[in-house]
Amino acid sequence: GLTRIFSQLLSSGIINTATSTTAKVLVCTFDDRLEYGLEVASKIREAGIPTEIYTENDKFRKKMNYANKIGVPGPTI
Protein backbone atom coordinates (compact mmCIF):
# COMPACT_ATOMS: atom_id res chain seq x y z
CA GLY A 1 0.00 0.00 0.00
CA LEU A 2 1.44 3.21 1.28
CA THR A 3 5.06 2.05 1.37
CA ARG A 4 4.91 1.05 -2.29
CA ILE A 5 3.42 4.41 -3.30
CA PHE A 6 6.04 6.31 -1.30
CA SER A 7 8.82 4.24 -2.85
CA GLN A 8 7.55 5.01 -6.36
CA LEU A 9 7.27 8.72 -5.58
CA LEU A 10 10.89 8.73 -4.34
CA SER A 11 12.24 6.81 -7.32
CA SER A 12 10.41 9.01 -9.83
CA GLY A 13 11.80 12.17 -8.20
CA ILE A 14 8.39 13.58 -7.24
CA ILE A 15 9.49 13.56 -3.59
CA ASN A 16 12.97 14.88 -2.87
CA THR A 17 14.49 13.95 0.48
CA ALA A 18 17.66 15.99 0.02
CA THR A 19 18.17 18.76 2.53
CA SER A 20 18.54 22.35 1.39
CA THR A 21 20.82 23.48 4.21
CA THR A 22 23.98 22.37 5.93
CA ALA A 23 22.78 23.93 9.20
CA LYS A 24 22.68 21.63 12.21
CA VAL A 25 20.95 24.27 14.35
CA LEU A 26 18.15 26.72 13.65
CA VAL A 27 18.00 29.62 16.12
CA CYS A 28 14.49 31.07 16.36
CA THR A 29 13.84 34.48 17.84
CA PHE A 30 10.80 35.20 19.98
CA ASP A 31 9.24 38.43 21.19
CA ASP A 32 11.39 40.67 18.99
CA ARG A 33 14.64 39.51 20.61
CA LEU A 34 16.60 39.57 17.37
CA GLU A 35 19.78 40.90 18.98
CA TYR A 36 19.86 38.03 21.47
CA GLY A 37 19.14 35.49 18.72
CA LEU A 38 22.01 36.84 16.63
CA GLU A 39 24.31 36.61 19.64
CA VAL A 40 23.32 32.99 20.29
CA ALA A 41 23.74 32.06 16.62
CA SER A 42 27.16 33.71 16.57
CA LYS A 43 28.36 31.73 19.60
CA ILE A 44 27.13 28.46 18.10
CA ARG A 45 28.92 29.26 14.84
CA GLU A 46 32.11 30.09 16.76
CA ALA A 47 31.92 26.55 18.14
CA GLY A 48 32.06 25.29 14.55
CA ILE A 49 28.42 24.27 14.27
CA PRO A 50 26.64 25.30 11.06
CA THR A 51 23.76 27.54 12.18
CA GLU A 52 20.89 29.37 10.56
CA ILE A 53 18.67 32.00 12.19
CA TYR A 54 14.92 32.48 11.70
CA THR A 55 14.16 36.15 12.28
CA GLU A 56 10.50 36.39 11.31
CA ASN A 57 7.94 36.92 14.08
CA ASP A 58 5.90 33.83 13.18
CA LYS A 59 4.19 31.22 15.30
CA PHE A 60 6.32 28.42 16.73
CA ARG A 61 4.68 25.80 14.49
CA LYS A 62 5.65 27.75 11.35
CA LYS A 63 9.24 27.98 12.57
CA MET A 64 9.40 24.23 13.16
CA ASN A 65 7.84 23.53 9.77
CA TYR A 66 10.55 25.69 8.20
CA ALA A 67 13.25 23.75 10.06
CA ASN A 68 11.78 20.48 8.77
CA LYS A 69 11.45 21.85 5.23
CA ILE A 70 15.09 22.89 4.94
CA GLY A 71 16.36 19.73 6.64
CA VAL A 72 17.65 20.91 10.01
CA PRO A 73 17.97 17.74 12.10
CA GLY A 74 15.60 17.30 15.01
CA PRO A 75 16.66 16.94 18.64
CA THR A 76 18.38 13.79 19.76
CA ILE A 77 17.87 12.39 23.20
C-alpha atoms as a PDB file:
ATOM      1  CA  GLY A   1       0.000   0.000   0.000  1.00  0.00           C
ATOM      2  CA  LEU A   2       1.438   3.211   1.283  1.00  0.00           C
ATOM      3  CA  THR A   3       5.056   2.046   1.365  1.00  0.00           C
ATOM      4  CA  ARG A   4       4.915   1.047  -2.292  1.00  0.00           C
ATOM      5  CA  ILE A   5       3.415   4.408  -3.303  1.00  0.00           C
ATOM      6  CA  PHE A   6       6.038   6.307  -1.296  1.00  0.00           C
ATOM      7  CA  SER A   7       8.816   4.235  -2.846  1.00  0.00           C
ATOM      8  CA  GLN A   8       7.550   5.007  -6.358  1.00  0.00           C
ATOM      9  CA  LEU A   9       7.268   8.722  -5.576  1.00  0.00           C
ATOM     10  CA  LEU A  10      10.888   8.730  -4.345  1.00  0.00           C
ATOM     11  CA  SER A  11      12.243   6.806  -7.323  1.00  0.00           C
ATOM     12  CA  SER A  12      10.412   9.012  -9.834  1.00  0.00           C
ATOM     13  CA  GLY A  13      11.795  12.172  -8.199  1.00  0.00           C
ATOM     14  CA  ILE A  14       8.392  13.583  -7.238  1.00  0.00           C
ATOM     15  CA  ILE A  15       9.490  13.562  -3.593  1.00  0.00           C
ATOM     16  CA  ASN A  16      12.972  14.883  -2.867  1.00  0.00           C
ATOM     17  CA  THR A  17      14.489  13.954   0.482  1.00  0.00           C
ATOM     18  CA  ALA A  18      17.656  15.994   0.019  1.00  0.00           C
ATOM     19  CA  THR A  19      18.174  18.765   2.534  1.00  0.00           C
ATOM     20  CA  SER A  20      18.538  22.345   1.388  1.00  0.00           C
ATOM     21  CA  THR A  21      20.822  23.478   4.214  1.00  0.00           C
ATOM     22  CA  THR A  22      23.984  22.374   5.929  1.00  0.00           C
ATOM     23  CA  ALA A  23      22.780  23.927   9.199  1.00  0.00           C
ATOM     24  CA  LYS A  24      22.680  21.635  12.206  1.00  0.00           C
ATOM     25  CA  VAL A  25      20.952  24.275  14.352  1.00  0.00           C
ATOM     26  CA  LEU A  26      18.146  26.724  13.653  1.00  0.00           C
ATOM     27  CA  VAL A  27      18.001  29.618  16.121  1.00  0.00           C
ATOM     28  CA  CYS A  28      14.490  31.066  16.360  1.00  0.00           C
ATOM     29  CA  THR A  29      13.844  34.483  17.837  1.00  0.00           C
ATOM     30  CA  PHE A  30      10.801  35.204  19.984  1.00  0.00           C
ATOM     31  CA  ASP A  31       9.236  38.434  21.193  1.00  0.00           C
ATOM     32  CA  ASP A  32      11.387  40.670  18.986  1.00  0.00           C
ATOM     33  CA  ARG A  33      14.639  39.510  20.615  1.00  0.00           C
ATOM     34  CA  LEU A  34      16.604  39.569  17.372  1.00  0.00           C
ATOM     35  CA  GLU A  35      19.783  40.896  18.977  1.00  0.00           C
ATOM     36  CA  TYR A  36      19.858  38.027  21.472  1.00  0.00           C
ATOM     37  CA  GLY A  37      19.139  35.487  18.716  1.00  0.00           C
ATOM     38  CA  LEU A  38      22.006  36.837  16.635  1.00  0.00           C
ATOM     39  CA  GLU A  39      24.312  36.610  19.644  1.00  0.00           C
ATOM     40  CA  VAL A  40      23.316  32.994  20.292  1.00  0.00           C
ATOM     41  CA  ALA A  41      23.737  32.055  16.616  1.00  0.00           C
ATOM     42  CA  SER A  42      27.161  33.711  16.569  1.00  0.00           C
ATOM     43  CA  LYS A  43      28.359  31.733  19.601  1.00  0.00           C
ATOM     44  CA  ILE A  44      27.128  28.463  18.096  1.00  0.00           C
ATOM     45  CA  ARG A  45      28.921  29.262  14.837  1.00  0.00           C
ATOM     46  CA  GLU A  46      32.111  30.094  16.760  1.00  0.00           C
ATOM     47  CA  ALA A  47      31.916  26.545  18.142  1.00  0.00           C
ATOM     48  CA  GLY A  48      32.056  25.294  14.551  1.00  0.00           C
ATOM     49  CA  ILE A  49      28.416  24.267  14.272  1.00  0.00           C
ATOM     50  CA  PRO A  50      26.636  25.304  11.063  1.00  0.00           C
ATOM     51  CA  THR A  51      23.762  27.538  12.181  1.00  0.00           C
ATOM     52  CA  GLU A  52      20.893  29.373  10.559  1.00  0.00           C
ATOM     53  CA  ILE A  53      18.666  32.001  12.192  1.00  0.00           C
ATOM     54  CA  TYR A  54      14.921  32.478  11.703  1.00  0.00           C
ATOM     55  CA  THR A  55      14.161  36.146  12.284  1.00  0.00           C
ATOM     56  CA  GLU A  56      10.497  36.392  11.313  1.00  0.00           C
ATOM     57  CA  ASN A  57       7.940  36.922  14.078  1.00  0.00           C
ATOM     58  CA  ASP A  58       5.898  33.831  13.177  1.00  0.00           C
ATOM     59  CA  LYS A  59       4.192  31.219  15.305  1.00  0.00           C
ATOM     60  CA  PHE A  60       6.318  28.417  16.730  1.00  0.00           C
ATOM     61  CA  ARG A  61       4.684  25.804  14.486  1.00  0.00           C
ATOM     62  CA  LYS A  62       5.651  27.753  11.345  1.00  0.00           C
ATOM     63  CA  LYS A  63       9.241  27.979  12.573  1.00  0.00           C
ATOM     64  CA  MET A  64       9.400  24.234  13.165  1.00  0.00           C
ATOM     65  CA  ASN A  65       7.838  23.526   9.766  1.00  0.00           C
ATOM     66  CA  TYR A  66      10.545  25.691   8.197  1.00  0.00           C
ATOM     67  CA  ALA A  67      13.253  23.746  10.059  1.00  0.00           C
ATOM     68  CA  ASN A  68      11.785  20.480   8.769  1.00  0.00           C
ATOM     69  CA  LYS A  69      11.446  21.846   5.232  1.00  0.00           C
ATOM     70  CA  ILE A  70      15.090  22.888   4.942  1.00  0.00           C
ATOM     71  CA  GLY A  71      16.355  19.730   6.636  1.00  0.00           C
ATOM     72  CA  VAL A  72      17.646  20.912  10.012  1.00  0.00           C
ATOM     73  CA  PRO A  73      17.970  17.739  12.099  1.00  0.00           C
ATOM     74  CA  GLY A  74      15.599  17.304  15.012  1.00  0.00           C
ATOM     75  CA  PRO A  75      16.661  16.945  18.636  1.00  0.00           C
ATOM     76  CA  THR A  76      18.377  13.786  19.759  1.00  0.00           C
ATOM     77  CA  ILE A  77      17.867  12.389  23.201  1.00  0.00           C
END
